[in-house]
């Protein structure tokens, strides 16, 4: 097994990956808005580009940094793994979070530059409503449930297609179009385009996403139990088939 990449390289991967993700989200939104006036078609184009872009970025940078690109994922992974030592260390969290936020802002500026827009134009798209905040709680909870659930069941290698598919679906089943990412939310405030969010709407979205991350951690515990503390063996739960086999052997005696 190869040694993990140095922290500066991992933080750089998080910054670049988050920048690329926001560039995909914002850039595809600008392109769609210039090609059609139909909002549904714009959202379809935006969501498809995000699905493909996110899947590629997770596949590319996952081996380097884990491809969090999301402070909610980083914080949830740290909190979940703090007893077992499997999650990111506090110094990793301290490096990842600012890298993700800086990358998100840079990605929005890059997308605006590619389409000849003002490099920094704060969004005027107000997203201020209780049902939008509830949608962000749901979207973020589902994302954390998926990411940590895959890790807990040894299927983290499926993250690229499954996380991308989930985000694509959440574009459509949530009223907020599933930001589900504090860094991306902040970055999208820096562009007055289809994918933007007004700075005055950012804080409630961030609060809802943190609540959603906590709810997602709860879902992981409900479905998969608590991980064993470092140095302890996890208690195996016998399957129903194993239990029946044991009972049959006992009766045979």
Protein backbone atom coordinates (compact mmCIF):
# COMPACT_ATOMS: atom_id res chain seq x y z
CA UNK A 1 0.00 0.00 0.00
CA UNK A 2 1.44 3.36 -1.01
CA UNK A 3 2.01 6.07 1.57
CA UNK A 4 -0.52 8.91 1.65
CA UNK A 5 0.36 12.06 -0.24
CA UNK A 6 1.87 14.93 1.79
CA UNK A 7 -0.69 17.28 3.31
CA UNK A 8 0.17 20.25 1.03
CA UNK A 9 -0.45 18.07 -2.02
CA UNK A 10 -3.72 16.79 -0.61
CA UNK A 11 -4.88 20.31 0.24
CA UNK A 12 -3.95 21.45 -3.27
CA UNK A 13 -5.99 18.57 -4.72
CA UNK A 14 -8.97 19.65 -2.62
CA UNK A 15 -8.62 23.26 -3.78
CA UNK A 16 -8.24 22.33 -7.44
CA UNK A 17 -10.99 19.72 -7.34
CA UNK A 18 -13.45 22.11 -5.70
CA UNK A 19 -12.49 24.85 -8.17
CA UNK A 20 -13.09 22.52 -11.10
CA UNK A 21 -16.43 21.39 -9.65
CA UNK A 22 -17.68 24.96 -9.24
CA UNK A 23 -16.40 25.87 -12.70
CA UNK A 24 -18.49 22.99 -14.09
CA UNK A 25 -21.60 24.02 -12.13
CA UNK A 26 -21.36 27.73 -12.91
CA UNK A 27 -20.03 27.37 -16.45
CA UNK A 28 -22.70 24.89 -17.51
CA UNK A 29 -25.32 27.17 -15.97
CA UNK A 30 -24.08 30.13 -18.00
CA UNK A 31 -23.93 28.07 -21.18
CA UNK A 32 -27.43 26.71 -20.67
CA UNK A 33 -28.86 30.18 -19.96
CA UNK A 34 -27.34 31.49 -23.19
CA UNK A 35 -28.70 28.62 -25.28
CA UNK A 36 -32.28 28.40 -24.06
CA UNK A 37 -34.92 30.36 -22.15
CA UNK A 38 -36.58 27.20 -20.85
CA UNK A 39 -35.74 26.81 -17.15
CA UNK A 40 -36.26 23.06 -17.18
CA UNK A 41 -33.83 22.60 -20.04
CA UNK A 42 -31.32 24.85 -18.29
CA UNK A 43 -31.56 22.75 -15.13
CA UNK A 44 -31.22 19.52 -17.12
CA UNK A 45 -28.06 20.75 -18.81
CA UNK A 46 -26.67 22.04 -15.52
CA UNK A 47 -27.36 18.79 -13.67
CA UNK A 48 -25.96 16.54 -16.41
CA UNK A 49 -22.73 18.53 -16.62
CA UNK A 50 -22.39 18.36 -12.84
CA UNK A 51 -22.95 14.59 -12.78
CA UNK A 52 -20.30 13.93 -15.39
CA UNK A 53 -17.83 16.47 -14.01
CA UNK A 54 -18.16 15.30 -10.42
CA UNK A 55 -17.71 11.64 -11.35
CA UNK A 56 -14.53 12.44 -13.27
CA UNK A 57 -13.09 14.61 -10.48
CA UNK A 58 -13.73 12.01 -7.77
CA UNK A 59 -12.09 9.32 -9.90
CA UNK A 60 -9.10 11.54 -10.65
CA UNK A 61 -8.39 13.04 -7.22
CA UNK A 62 -9.89 10.47 -4.86
CA UNK A 63 -6.57 8.57 -4.61
CA UNK A 64 -4.80 11.81 -3.63
CA UNK A 65 -7.04 13.55 -1.09
CA UNK A 66 -10.18 11.45 -0.83
CA UNK A 67 -11.94 13.93 -3.15
CA UNK A 68 -14.09 15.53 -0.46
CA UNK A 69 -14.50 18.91 -2.23
CA UNK A 70 -16.97 19.67 0.54
CA UNK A 71 -16.46 20.91 4.14
CA UNK A 72 -19.54 18.96 5.26
CA UNK A 73 -17.98 15.71 4.03
CA UNK A 74 -14.61 16.56 5.60
CA UNK A 75 -16.15 17.41 8.97
CA UNK A 76 -18.41 14.35 8.94
CA UNK A 77 -15.49 12.06 8.03
CA UNK A 78 -13.41 13.56 10.85
CA UNK A 79 -16.23 13.23 13.39
CA UNK A 80 -17.10 9.68 12.36
CA UNK A 81 -13.48 8.51 12.37
CA UNK A 82 -12.19 10.28 15.47
CA UNK A 83 -12.59 7.15 17.66
CA UNK A 84 -11.07 4.74 15.17
CA UNK A 85 -8.34 6.92 13.69
CA UNK A 86 -9.71 6.24 10.18
CA UNK A 87 -10.89 9.76 9.45
CA UNK A 88 -8.88 12.87 8.59
CA UNK A 89 -6.72 14.30 11.38
CA UNK A 90 -7.57 17.73 12.80
CA UNK A 91 -4.67 19.27 10.91
CA UNK A 92 -6.03 17.77 7.69
CA UNK A 93 -9.41 19.37 8.41
CA UNK A 94 -7.71 22.69 9.13
CA UNK A 95 -5.99 22.51 5.73
CA UNK A 96 -8.90 21.11 3.70
CA UNK A 97 -11.62 23.58 4.69
CA UNK A 98 -9.94 26.82 3.61
CA UNK A 99 -8.60 25.08 0.50
CA UNK A 100 -12.12 24.03 -0.48
CA UNK A 101 -13.58 27.50 0.08
CA UNK A 102 -10.75 29.23 -1.80
CA UNK A 103 -11.07 26.72 -4.62
CA UNK A 104 -14.83 27.26 -4.86
CA UNK A 105 -14.42 31.03 -5.18
CA UNK A 106 -11.66 30.57 -7.74
CA UNK A 107 -13.84 28.20 -9.76
CA UNK A 108 -16.69 30.71 -9.92
CA UNK A 109 -14.30 33.45 -11.05
CA UNK A 110 -12.81 31.12 -13.67
CA UNK A 111 -16.23 30.23 -15.07
CA UNK A 112 -17.20 33.90 -15.33
CA UNK A 113 -13.90 34.64 -17.09
CA UNK A 114 -14.44 31.86 -19.64
CA UNK A 115 -17.78 33.36 -20.65
CA UNK A 116 -16.72 36.98 -20.64
CA UNK A 117 -18.67 37.87 -17.51
CA UNK A 118 -17.44 40.23 -14.77
CA UNK A 119 -14.87 38.27 -12.78
CA UNK A 120 -16.61 39.00 -9.49
CA UNK A 121 -20.28 39.96 -9.50
CA UNK A 122 -22.17 38.98 -6.37
CA UNK A 123 -25.33 37.07 -7.17
CA UNK A 124 -28.74 38.73 -6.95
CA UNK A 125 -30.52 35.34 -6.94
CA UNK A 126 -32.30 35.27 -3.59
CA UNK A 127 -32.84 31.77 -2.19
CA UNK A 128 -34.51 32.62 1.08
CA UNK A 129 -37.34 30.29 2.13
CA UNK A 130 -37.93 27.61 4.71
CA UNK A 131 -38.61 24.89 2.18
CA UNK A 132 -35.24 25.58 0.54
CA UNK A 133 -33.47 25.21 3.88
CA UNK A 134 -35.30 21.93 4.53
CA UNK A 135 -34.23 20.76 1.08
CA UNK A 136 -30.60 21.52 1.96
CA UNK A 137 -30.91 19.51 5.18
CA UNK A 138 -32.27 16.55 3.22
CA UNK A 139 -29.75 16.83 0.37
CA UNK A 140 -26.75 17.07 2.69
CA UNK A 141 -27.98 14.30 4.99
CA UNK A 142 -28.35 11.98 2.02
CA UNK A 143 -24.90 12.82 0.74
CA UNK A 144 -23.22 12.12 4.09
CA UNK A 145 -25.25 8.94 4.51
CA UNK A 146 -24.08 7.75 1.10
CA UNK A 147 -20.40 8.71 1.38
CA UNK A 148 -19.85 7.32 4.86
CA UNK A 149 -22.09 4.33 4.24
CA UNK A 150 -19.99 3.32 1.25
CA UNK A 151 -16.83 3.66 3.33
CA UNK A 152 -18.27 1.64 6.22
CA UNK A 153 -19.32 -1.21 3.93
CA UNK A 154 -16.06 -1.39 2.01
CA UNK A 155 -17.52 0.00 -1.21
CA UNK A 156 -15.77 3.35 -1.37
CA UNK A 157 -14.55 2.43 -4.86
CA UNK A 158 -18.14 2.98 -6.03
CA UNK A 159 -18.14 6.61 -4.87
CA UNK A 160 -17.44 8.23 -8.28
CA UNK A 161 -20.59 6.97 -10.04
CA UNK A 162 -22.83 6.78 -6.97
CA UNK A 163 -22.05 10.20 -5.48
CA UNK A 164 -22.37 11.79 -8.92
CA UNK A 165 -25.68 9.98 -9.49
CA UNK A 166 -27.00 11.08 -6.12
CA UNK A 167 -26.16 14.73 -6.74
CA UNK A 168 -27.76 14.52 -10.17
CA UNK A 169 -30.93 13.08 -8.68
CA UNK A 170 -30.96 15.62 -5.86
CA UNK A 171 -30.89 18.46 -8.40
CA UNK A 172 -34.41 17.34 -9.25
CA UNK A 173 -35.95 15.97 -6.06
CA UNK A 174 -35.00 18.92 -3.84
CA UNK A 175 -36.44 22.43 -4.18
CA UNK A 176 -33.00 23.99 -3.60
CA UNK A 177 -31.40 21.99 -6.46
CA UNK A 178 -29.08 20.41 -3.89
CA UNK A 179 -26.15 22.68 -3.11
CA UNK A 180 -25.31 20.30 -0.19
CA UNK A 181 -21.85 21.85 0.10
CA UNK A 182 -20.81 24.89 2.17
CA UNK A 183 -17.77 25.68 0.01
CA UNK A 184 -19.73 25.49 -3.23
CA UNK A 185 -22.47 27.63 -1.69
CA UNK A 186 -19.96 30.34 -0.84
CA UNK A 187 -18.34 30.13 -4.26
CA UNK A 188 -21.66 30.45 -6.07
CA UNK A 189 -22.32 33.73 -4.27
CA UNK A 190 -19.52 35.27 -6.37
CA UNK A 191 -21.31 34.87 -9.71
CA UNK A 192 -24.47 36.65 -10.80
CA UNK A 193 -25.50 33.89 -13.18
CA UNK A 194 -27.95 30.98 -13.38
CA UNK A 195 -26.22 28.97 -10.63
CA UNK A 196 -25.63 31.89 -8.25
CA UNK A 197 -26.96 32.49 -4.77
CA UNK A 198 -27.27 35.93 -3.20
CA UNK A 199 -24.79 36.54 -0.35
CA UNK A 200 -27.73 37.29 1.97
CA UNK A 201 -29.03 33.75 1.37
CA UNK A 202 -25.73 32.00 2.10
CA UNK A 203 -25.76 31.77 5.91
CA UNK A 204 -29.11 29.93 6.22
CA UNK A 205 -27.93 27.50 3.54
CA UNK A 206 -24.70 26.86 5.46
CA UNK A 207 -26.62 26.29 8.70
CA UNK A 208 -29.02 23.88 6.96
CA UNK A 209 -26.11 21.96 5.44
CA UNK A 210 -24.44 21.54 8.84
CA UNK A 211 -27.72 20.29 10.30
CA UNK A 212 -27.99 17.93 7.36
CA UNK A 213 -24.45 16.65 7.95
CA UNK A 214 -25.35 15.87 11.56
CA UNK A 215 -28.51 14.12 10.40
CA UNK A 216 -26.48 12.12 7.89
CA UNK A 217 -24.14 10.96 10.66
CA UNK A 218 -27.20 9.81 12.57
CA UNK A 219 -28.43 7.83 9.57
CA UNK A 220 -25.04 6.13 9.30
CA UNK A 221 -25.20 5.07 12.94
CA UNK A 222 -28.78 3.80 12.59
CA UNK A 223 -27.95 1.73 9.49
CA UNK A 224 -24.39 0.62 10.16
CA UNK A 225 -23.83 1.07 13.90
CA UNK A 226 -20.97 2.86 15.58
CA UNK A 227 -17.44 1.96 14.49
CA UNK A 228 -15.34 0.21 17.11
CA UNK A 229 -12.86 2.41 18.95
CA UNK A 230 -9.22 2.14 17.93
CA UNK A 231 -7.68 -1.00 19.42
CA UNK A 232 -11.04 -2.74 19.89
CA UNK A 233 -12.61 -5.41 17.72
CA UNK A 234 -15.93 -4.53 16.18
CA UNK A 235 -18.68 -6.87 17.38
CA UNK A 236 -20.01 -8.86 14.45
CA UNK A 237 -23.77 -9.15 14.10
CA UNK A 238 -24.69 -12.64 12.92
CA UNK A 239 -26.91 -12.86 9.88
CA UNK A 240 -30.34 -14.46 10.05
CA UNK A 241 -29.06 -17.44 8.05
CA UNK A 242 -26.20 -17.96 10.49
CA UNK A 243 -28.58 -17.76 13.42
CA UNK A 244 -30.87 -20.37 11.86
CA UNK A 245 -27.90 -22.65 11.19
CA UNK A 246 -26.81 -22.42 14.83
CA UNK A 247 -30.35 -23.20 16.02
CA UNK A 248 -30.61 -26.19 13.69
CA UNK A 249 -27.32 -27.61 15.00
CA UNK A 250 -28.54 -27.20 18.55
CA UNK A 251 -31.79 -29.05 17.79
CA UNK A 252 -29.88 -31.86 16.03
CA UNK A 253 -28.08 -32.60 19.27
